[in-house]
Amino acid sequence: MTECYFCGVTAITKNEQGIETCKNCKTKSADPKCPVCNDYLDVKTGKYGSYFFCWKCSKNWSKSQLK
């Protein structure tokens, strides 16, 4: 089971960005920035769930690395 990106409870759905969320946080959206270049990150979905990708410096970031 995955956790909600915003509040940490069990995620049961995804928001419009494809991030795993609980039913209460489904309408929230994230605008994380890359810790290296400070550019906005895109949300990607892979085999193990969603993650963030920076097009400027070509790095992948897990949700836990950005909190």
N, C-alpha and C. Protein backbone atom coordinates (compact mmCIF):
# COMPACT_ATOMS: atom_id res chain seq x y z
N MET A 1 0.84 -1.18 0.00
CA MET A 1 0.00 0.00 0.00
C MET A 1 0.88 1.24 0.00
N THR A 2 0.46 2.23 -0.72
CA THR A 2 1.20 3.49 -0.76
C THR A 2 0.52 4.52 0.13
N GLU A 3 1.28 5.54 0.47
CA GLU A 3 0.75 6.61 1.31
C GLU A 3 0.37 7.81 0.47
N CYS A 4 -0.59 8.57 0.95
CA CYS A 4 -0.97 9.82 0.33
C CYS A 4 0.21 10.78 0.38
N TYR A 5 0.53 11.41 -0.73
CA TYR A 5 1.65 12.34 -0.81
C TYR A 5 1.47 13.53 0.13
N PHE A 6 0.23 13.96 0.34
CA PHE A 6 -0.04 15.17 1.09
C PHE A 6 -0.21 14.95 2.59
N CYS A 7 -0.90 13.87 2.99
CA CYS A 7 -1.20 13.70 4.42
C CYS A 7 -0.66 12.42 5.04
N GLY A 8 -0.22 11.45 4.24
CA GLY A 8 0.41 10.25 4.78
C GLY A 8 -0.51 9.08 5.07
N VAL A 9 -1.83 9.24 4.92
CA VAL A 9 -2.73 8.11 5.14
C VAL A 9 -2.70 7.21 3.91
N THR A 10 -3.35 6.07 3.96
CA THR A 10 -3.34 5.12 2.86
C THR A 10 -3.97 5.74 1.60
N ALA A 11 -3.24 5.68 0.50
CA ALA A 11 -3.73 6.23 -0.77
C ALA A 11 -4.66 5.23 -1.44
N ILE A 12 -5.80 5.73 -1.91
CA ILE A 12 -6.76 4.86 -2.58
C ILE A 12 -7.09 5.33 -3.99
N THR A 13 -6.61 6.50 -4.37
CA THR A 13 -6.90 7.06 -5.69
C THR A 13 -5.73 7.92 -6.14
N LYS A 14 -5.86 8.53 -7.30
CA LYS A 14 -4.83 9.44 -7.81
C LYS A 14 -5.47 10.78 -8.15
N ASN A 15 -4.70 11.86 -8.02
CA ASN A 15 -5.21 13.17 -8.41
C ASN A 15 -4.99 13.38 -9.90
N GLU A 16 -5.27 14.60 -10.40
CA GLU A 16 -5.15 14.87 -11.83
C GLU A 16 -3.72 14.81 -12.34
N GLN A 17 -2.73 14.89 -11.44
CA GLN A 17 -1.32 14.78 -11.83
C GLN A 17 -0.83 13.34 -11.84
N GLY A 18 -1.63 12.41 -11.33
CA GLY A 18 -1.23 11.02 -11.26
C GLY A 18 -0.53 10.64 -9.97
N ILE A 19 -0.58 11.52 -8.96
CA ILE A 19 0.05 11.26 -7.67
C ILE A 19 -0.94 10.49 -6.79
N GLU A 20 -0.45 9.45 -6.10
CA GLU A 20 -1.31 8.67 -5.22
C GLU A 20 -1.77 9.53 -4.05
N THR A 21 -3.10 9.58 -3.83
CA THR A 21 -3.68 10.38 -2.76
C THR A 21 -4.80 9.63 -2.07
N CYS A 22 -5.21 10.16 -0.92
CA CYS A 22 -6.41 9.66 -0.25
C CYS A 22 -7.61 10.38 -0.84
N LYS A 23 -8.82 9.99 -0.45
CA LYS A 23 -10.01 10.61 -1.02
C LYS A 23 -10.14 12.08 -0.62
N ASN A 24 -9.61 12.47 0.53
CA ASN A 24 -9.72 13.86 0.98
C ASN A 24 -8.75 14.79 0.26
N CYS A 25 -7.67 14.27 -0.27
CA CYS A 25 -6.64 15.10 -0.92
C CYS A 25 -6.67 14.99 -2.44
N LYS A 26 -7.71 14.37 -2.99
CA LYS A 26 -7.77 14.13 -4.43
C LYS A 26 -7.74 15.43 -5.25
N THR A 27 -8.25 16.52 -4.71
CA THR A 27 -8.30 17.77 -5.46
C THR A 27 -7.03 18.61 -5.31
N LYS A 28 -6.12 18.22 -4.44
CA LYS A 28 -4.88 18.96 -4.25
C LYS A 28 -3.89 18.64 -5.36
N SER A 29 -3.03 19.61 -5.65
CA SER A 29 -1.98 19.38 -6.64
C SER A 29 -0.64 19.82 -6.05
N ALA A 30 0.42 19.21 -6.54
CA ALA A 30 1.76 19.49 -6.04
C ALA A 30 2.54 20.25 -7.10
N ASP A 31 3.33 21.20 -6.66
CA ASP A 31 4.24 21.93 -7.54
C ASP A 31 5.65 21.87 -6.97
N PRO A 32 6.22 20.65 -6.88
CA PRO A 32 7.55 20.53 -6.30
C PRO A 32 8.62 21.09 -7.23
N LYS A 33 9.71 21.56 -6.64
CA LYS A 33 10.84 22.08 -7.41
C LYS A 33 12.05 21.18 -7.21
N CYS A 34 12.88 21.13 -8.23
CA CYS A 34 14.11 20.33 -8.20
C CYS A 34 15.09 20.93 -7.18
N PRO A 35 15.62 20.10 -6.28
CA PRO A 35 16.58 20.60 -5.30
C PRO A 35 17.92 21.02 -5.93
N VAL A 36 18.20 20.57 -7.14
CA VAL A 36 19.47 20.89 -7.80
C VAL A 36 19.39 22.20 -8.58
N CYS A 37 18.40 22.32 -9.47
CA CYS A 37 18.33 23.49 -10.36
C CYS A 37 17.17 24.43 -10.05
N ASN A 38 16.30 24.07 -9.13
CA ASN A 38 15.15 24.87 -8.69
C ASN A 38 14.09 25.05 -9.78
N ASP A 39 14.07 24.18 -10.79
CA ASP A 39 13.05 24.20 -11.82
C ASP A 39 11.89 23.30 -11.38
N TYR A 40 10.68 23.53 -11.92
CA TYR A 40 9.53 22.70 -11.56
C TYR A 40 9.71 21.28 -12.08
N LEU A 41 9.20 20.31 -11.34
CA LEU A 41 9.31 18.90 -11.69
C LEU A 41 8.02 18.40 -12.32
N ASP A 42 8.14 17.46 -13.26
CA ASP A 42 7.00 16.79 -13.85
C ASP A 42 6.73 15.50 -13.09
N VAL A 43 5.47 15.12 -13.00
CA VAL A 43 5.08 13.87 -12.35
C VAL A 43 5.06 12.77 -13.41
N LYS A 44 5.75 11.69 -13.15
CA LYS A 44 5.77 10.53 -14.03
C LYS A 44 5.24 9.33 -13.25
N THR A 45 4.72 8.34 -13.94
CA THR A 45 4.25 7.12 -13.30
C THR A 45 5.05 5.96 -13.85
N GLY A 46 5.62 5.19 -12.95
CA GLY A 46 6.43 4.04 -13.35
C GLY A 46 5.92 2.75 -12.74
N LYS A 47 6.72 1.74 -12.83
CA LYS A 47 6.38 0.41 -12.33
C LYS A 47 6.07 0.41 -10.84
N TYR A 48 6.74 1.27 -10.08
CA TYR A 48 6.58 1.29 -8.62
C TYR A 48 5.81 2.50 -8.12
N GLY A 49 5.05 3.15 -8.99
CA GLY A 49 4.25 4.29 -8.59
C GLY A 49 4.74 5.58 -9.21
N SER A 50 4.26 6.69 -8.69
CA SER A 50 4.62 7.97 -9.28
C SER A 50 5.94 8.49 -8.70
N TYR A 51 6.61 9.29 -9.51
CA TYR A 51 7.86 9.91 -9.10
C TYR A 51 7.97 11.23 -9.86
N PHE A 52 8.95 12.04 -9.52
CA PHE A 52 9.13 13.34 -10.15
C PHE A 52 10.37 13.34 -11.03
N PHE A 53 10.28 14.05 -12.16
CA PHE A 53 11.38 14.10 -13.11
C PHE A 53 11.68 15.55 -13.47
N CYS A 54 12.95 15.91 -13.48
CA CYS A 54 13.39 17.24 -13.87
C CYS A 54 13.92 17.19 -15.30
N TRP A 55 13.28 17.95 -16.20
CA TRP A 55 13.71 17.98 -17.59
C TRP A 55 15.00 18.78 -17.75
N LYS A 56 15.23 19.73 -16.89
CA LYS A 56 16.39 20.61 -17.02
C LYS A 56 17.70 19.89 -16.68
N CYS A 57 17.71 19.15 -15.57
CA CYS A 57 18.95 18.47 -15.18
C CYS A 57 18.84 16.94 -15.29
N SER A 58 17.74 16.44 -15.84
CA SER A 58 17.54 15.00 -16.13
C SER A 58 17.73 14.11 -14.90
N LYS A 59 17.13 14.48 -13.79
CA LYS A 59 17.20 13.67 -12.57
C LYS A 59 15.81 13.21 -12.17
N ASN A 60 15.76 12.02 -11.60
CA ASN A 60 14.52 11.49 -11.03
C ASN A 60 14.54 11.70 -9.53
N TRP A 61 13.39 12.04 -8.95
CA TRP A 61 13.27 12.25 -7.52
C TRP A 61 12.08 11.47 -7.00
N SER A 62 12.29 10.70 -5.95
CA SER A 62 11.17 10.03 -5.31
C SER A 62 10.46 11.03 -4.40
N LYS A 63 9.24 10.69 -4.03
CA LYS A 63 8.47 11.60 -3.17
C LYS A 63 9.16 11.79 -1.82
N SER A 64 9.80 10.76 -1.29
CA SER A 64 10.44 10.88 0.01
C SER A 64 11.68 11.79 -0.04
N GLN A 65 12.34 11.90 -1.19
CA GLN A 65 13.51 12.77 -1.30
C GLN A 65 13.15 14.25 -1.31
N LEU A 66 11.91 14.57 -1.64
CA LEU A 66 11.51 15.95 -1.75
C LEU A 66 10.85 16.49 -0.50
N LYS A 67 10.54 15.65 0.45
CA LYS A 67 9.86 16.12 1.67
C LYS A 67 10.83 16.58 2.69
